[in-house]
């Protein structure tokens, strides 16, 4: 039971770290990253909101893919 808890905790930490990186990629794909330092307040808030949306979406997608892979692996092992 302890090993399952540690494994899940590790996956949550890895998912959080990857989601932070994927959020930057999300902003870059949407062309919302700006090099200029003189952004208006509305643009700053808009960028932060999109970054948070990218983080949350990435976290859930990473964790869902991880769960799907583990379910398919368990079904495969059960059949063979």
N, C-alpha and C. Protein backbone atom coordinates (compact mmCIF):
# COMPACT_ATOMS: atom_id res chain seq x y z
N UNK A 1 0.82 -1.19 0.00
CA UNK A 1 0.00 0.00 0.00
C UNK A 1 0.87 1.26 0.00
N UNK A 2 1.97 1.18 0.74
CA UNK A 2 2.87 2.32 0.81
C UNK A 2 3.50 2.61 -0.55
N UNK A 3 3.84 1.54 -1.29
CA UNK A 3 4.45 1.71 -2.60
C UNK A 3 3.49 2.35 -3.59
N UNK A 4 2.22 1.99 -3.51
CA UNK A 4 1.22 2.58 -4.40
C UNK A 4 1.08 4.07 -4.12
N UNK A 5 1.06 4.44 -2.86
CA UNK A 5 0.97 5.85 -2.49
C UNK A 5 2.18 6.62 -3.01
N UNK A 6 3.38 6.08 -2.83
CA UNK A 6 4.59 6.76 -3.30
C UNK A 6 4.61 6.87 -4.83
N UNK A 7 4.16 5.82 -5.52
CA UNK A 7 4.14 5.85 -6.98
C UNK A 7 3.16 6.91 -7.48
N UNK A 8 1.98 6.97 -6.90
CA UNK A 8 0.99 7.96 -7.30
C UNK A 8 1.47 9.37 -6.98
N UNK A 9 2.10 9.54 -5.83
CA UNK A 9 2.64 10.85 -5.46
C UNK A 9 3.72 11.28 -6.45
N UNK A 10 4.57 10.35 -6.84
CA UNK A 10 5.61 10.65 -7.82
C UNK A 10 4.98 11.04 -9.16
N UNK A 11 3.94 10.34 -9.59
CA UNK A 11 3.29 10.67 -10.85
C UNK A 11 2.61 12.03 -10.79
N UNK A 12 2.06 12.38 -9.66
CA UNK A 12 1.45 13.71 -9.52
C UNK A 12 2.50 14.79 -9.64
N UNK A 13 3.65 14.61 -8.99
CA UNK A 13 4.74 15.59 -9.07
C UNK A 13 5.25 15.69 -10.50
N UNK A 14 5.47 14.56 -11.16
CA UNK A 14 5.95 14.56 -12.55
C UNK A 14 4.92 15.23 -13.46
N UNK A 15 3.64 14.96 -13.24
CA UNK A 15 2.60 15.57 -14.05
C UNK A 15 2.55 17.08 -13.86
N UNK A 16 2.74 17.54 -12.65
CA UNK A 16 2.75 18.98 -12.39
C UNK A 16 3.92 19.64 -13.10
N UNK A 17 5.10 19.05 -13.00
CA UNK A 17 6.28 19.62 -13.65
C UNK A 17 6.12 19.63 -15.17
N UNK A 18 5.64 18.52 -15.72
CA UNK A 18 5.43 18.48 -17.17
C UNK A 18 4.34 19.45 -17.62
N UNK A 19 3.32 19.61 -16.81
CA UNK A 19 2.24 20.53 -17.19
C UNK A 19 2.73 21.98 -17.21
N UNK A 20 3.66 22.32 -16.33
CA UNK A 20 4.23 23.67 -16.36
C UNK A 20 4.99 23.90 -17.67
N UNK A 21 5.73 22.89 -18.09
CA UNK A 21 6.48 23.01 -19.34
C UNK A 21 5.54 23.02 -20.55
N UNK A 22 4.53 22.17 -20.54
CA UNK A 22 3.58 22.12 -21.66
C UNK A 22 2.74 23.39 -21.74
N UNK A 23 2.54 24.08 -20.63
CA UNK A 23 1.80 25.33 -20.67
C UNK A 23 2.57 26.38 -21.45
N UNK A 24 3.90 26.41 -21.29
CA UNK A 24 4.70 27.33 -22.11
C UNK A 24 4.59 26.97 -23.58
N UNK A 25 4.61 25.69 -23.88
CA UNK A 25 4.45 25.24 -25.25
C UNK A 25 3.07 25.64 -25.79
N UNK A 26 2.05 25.52 -24.96
CA UNK A 26 0.70 25.93 -25.33
C UNK A 26 0.66 27.42 -25.68
N UNK A 27 1.30 28.25 -24.87
CA UNK A 27 1.33 29.68 -25.16
C UNK A 27 2.10 29.97 -26.44
N UNK A 28 3.16 29.24 -26.67
CA UNK A 28 3.95 29.46 -27.87
C UNK A 28 3.18 29.04 -29.12
N UNK A 29 2.46 27.94 -29.05
CA UNK A 29 1.66 27.49 -30.20
C UNK A 29 0.56 28.50 -30.52
N UNK A 30 -0.03 29.06 -29.48
CA UNK A 30 -1.09 30.05 -29.67
C UNK A 30 -0.54 31.43 -30.03
N UNK A 31 0.79 31.57 -30.09
CA UNK A 31 1.47 32.84 -30.37
C UNK A 31 1.09 33.91 -29.36
N UNK A 32 1.03 33.52 -28.11
CA UNK A 32 0.67 34.47 -27.04
C UNK A 32 1.87 34.87 -26.20
N UNK A 33 3.03 34.30 -26.47
CA UNK A 33 4.21 34.71 -25.73
C UNK A 33 4.78 35.96 -26.38
N UNK A 34 5.13 36.91 -25.56
CA UNK A 34 5.60 38.19 -26.08
C UNK A 34 7.02 38.45 -25.59
N UNK A 35 7.80 39.00 -26.47
CA UNK A 35 9.18 39.33 -26.11
C UNK A 35 9.25 40.72 -25.50
N UNK A 36 8.34 41.57 -25.87
CA UNK A 36 8.38 42.95 -25.37
C UNK A 36 8.04 43.00 -23.88
N UNK A 37 8.65 43.94 -23.21
CA UNK A 37 8.45 44.10 -21.77
C UNK A 37 7.30 45.05 -21.44
N UNK A 38 6.83 45.77 -22.39
CA UNK A 38 5.82 46.79 -22.11
C UNK A 38 4.41 46.30 -22.47
N UNK A 39 3.97 45.28 -21.77
CA UNK A 39 2.61 44.76 -21.95
C UNK A 39 1.64 45.57 -21.11
N UNK A 40 0.44 45.72 -21.61
CA UNK A 40 -0.60 46.37 -20.84
C UNK A 40 -1.07 45.41 -19.75
N UNK A 41 -1.75 45.95 -18.75
CA UNK A 41 -2.23 45.12 -17.64
C UNK A 41 -3.19 44.04 -18.11
N UNK A 42 -4.05 44.39 -19.06
CA UNK A 42 -5.01 43.43 -19.57
C UNK A 42 -4.29 42.28 -20.28
N UNK A 43 -3.24 42.61 -21.03
CA UNK A 43 -2.47 41.58 -21.73
C UNK A 43 -1.74 40.68 -20.75
N UNK A 44 -1.24 41.24 -19.66
CA UNK A 44 -0.57 40.43 -18.63
C UNK A 44 -1.55 39.44 -18.00
N UNK A 45 -2.73 39.94 -17.64
CA UNK A 45 -3.75 39.09 -17.02
C UNK A 45 -4.20 38.01 -18.00
N UNK A 46 -4.37 38.38 -19.26
CA UNK A 46 -4.78 37.44 -20.31
C UNK A 46 -3.72 36.34 -20.47
N UNK A 47 -2.46 36.72 -20.47
CA UNK A 47 -1.37 35.74 -20.62
C UNK A 47 -1.32 34.79 -19.43
N UNK A 48 -1.49 35.33 -18.23
CA UNK A 48 -1.47 34.50 -17.03
C UNK A 48 -2.66 33.54 -17.02
N UNK A 49 -3.82 34.02 -17.43
CA UNK A 49 -5.00 33.16 -17.47
C UNK A 49 -4.81 32.02 -18.47
N UNK A 50 -4.26 32.32 -19.63
CA UNK A 50 -4.01 31.27 -20.61
C UNK A 50 -2.93 30.30 -20.11
N UNK A 51 -1.94 30.82 -19.40
CA UNK A 51 -0.92 29.94 -18.85
C UNK A 51 -1.54 28.96 -17.84
N UNK A 52 -2.40 29.47 -16.97
CA UNK A 52 -3.07 28.61 -15.99
C UNK A 52 -3.99 27.60 -16.67
N UNK A 53 -4.69 28.02 -17.70
CA UNK A 53 -5.54 27.09 -18.45
C UNK A 53 -4.68 26.00 -19.08
N UNK A 54 -3.54 26.39 -19.64
CA UNK A 54 -2.62 25.42 -20.22
C UNK A 54 -2.07 24.46 -19.19
N UNK A 55 -1.74 24.96 -18.00
CA UNK A 55 -1.24 24.10 -16.92
C UNK A 55 -2.28 23.08 -16.49
N UNK A 56 -3.47 23.53 -16.24
CA UNK A 56 -4.54 22.65 -15.76
C UNK A 56 -4.89 21.61 -16.82
N UNK A 57 -5.03 22.06 -18.06
CA UNK A 57 -5.37 21.14 -19.15
C UNK A 57 -4.27 20.10 -19.33
N UNK A 58 -3.02 20.55 -19.31
CA UNK A 58 -1.90 19.62 -19.47
C UNK A 58 -1.84 18.61 -18.34
N UNK A 59 -2.08 19.05 -17.11
CA UNK A 59 -2.04 18.15 -15.97
C UNK A 59 -3.09 17.05 -16.12
N UNK A 60 -4.31 17.44 -16.45
CA UNK A 60 -5.36 16.44 -16.60
C UNK A 60 -5.10 15.51 -17.78
N UNK A 61 -4.60 16.04 -18.87
CA UNK A 61 -4.31 15.20 -20.04
C UNK A 61 -3.19 14.20 -19.74
N UNK A 62 -2.15 14.64 -19.07
CA UNK A 62 -1.05 13.74 -18.71
C UNK A 62 -1.56 12.64 -17.80
N UNK A 63 -2.33 13.01 -16.81
CA UNK A 63 -2.81 12.01 -15.86
C UNK A 63 -3.81 11.05 -16.50
N UNK A 64 -4.67 11.54 -17.40
CA UNK A 64 -5.62 10.67 -18.10
C UNK A 64 -4.88 9.69 -19.00
N UNK A 65 -3.87 10.16 -19.72
CA UNK A 65 -3.08 9.26 -20.58
C UNK A 65 -2.39 8.22 -19.72
N UNK A 66 -1.87 8.62 -18.57
CA UNK A 66 -1.21 7.67 -17.67
C UNK A 66 -2.19 6.60 -17.19
N UNK A 67 -3.40 7.01 -16.85
CA UNK A 67 -4.41 6.05 -16.41
C UNK A 67 -4.83 5.11 -17.53
N UNK A 68 -4.99 5.64 -18.74
CA UNK A 68 -5.36 4.79 -19.87
C UNK A 68 -4.28 3.76 -20.15
N UNK A 69 -3.03 4.18 -20.12
CA UNK A 69 -1.92 3.25 -20.36
C UNK A 69 -1.88 2.18 -19.28
N UNK A 70 -2.10 2.54 -18.04
CA UNK A 70 -2.07 1.54 -16.97
C UNK A 70 -3.25 0.57 -17.08
N UNK A 71 -4.42 1.04 -17.52
CA UNK A 71 -5.57 0.16 -17.70
C UNK A 71 -5.33 -0.82 -18.85
N UNK A 72 -4.80 -0.32 -19.96
CA UNK A 72 -4.50 -1.19 -21.09
C UNK A 72 -3.44 -2.20 -20.71
N UNK A 73 -2.46 -1.78 -19.95
CA UNK A 73 -1.40 -2.69 -19.48
C UNK A 73 -1.99 -3.78 -18.58
N UNK A 74 -2.90 -3.39 -17.69
CA UNK A 74 -3.52 -4.37 -16.79
C UNK A 74 -4.38 -5.36 -17.57
N UNK A 75 -5.12 -4.89 -18.56
CA UNK A 75 -5.93 -5.78 -19.39
C UNK A 75 -5.04 -6.72 -20.18
N UNK A 76 -3.97 -6.21 -20.73
CA UNK A 76 -3.03 -7.04 -21.50
C UNK A 76 -2.40 -8.12 -20.63
N UNK A 77 -2.00 -7.75 -19.42
CA UNK A 77 -1.39 -8.72 -18.50
C UNK A 77 -2.43 -9.77 -18.07
N UNK A 78 -3.66 -9.35 -17.86
CA UNK A 78 -4.70 -10.28 -17.43
C UNK A 78 -5.04 -11.30 -18.52
N UNK A 79 -4.93 -10.90 -19.77
CA UNK A 79 -5.26 -11.80 -20.87
C UNK A 79 -4.12 -12.76 -21.21
N UNK A 80 -2.90 -12.42 -20.88
CA UNK A 80 -1.78 -13.28 -21.24
C UNK A 80 -1.05 -13.72 -20.04
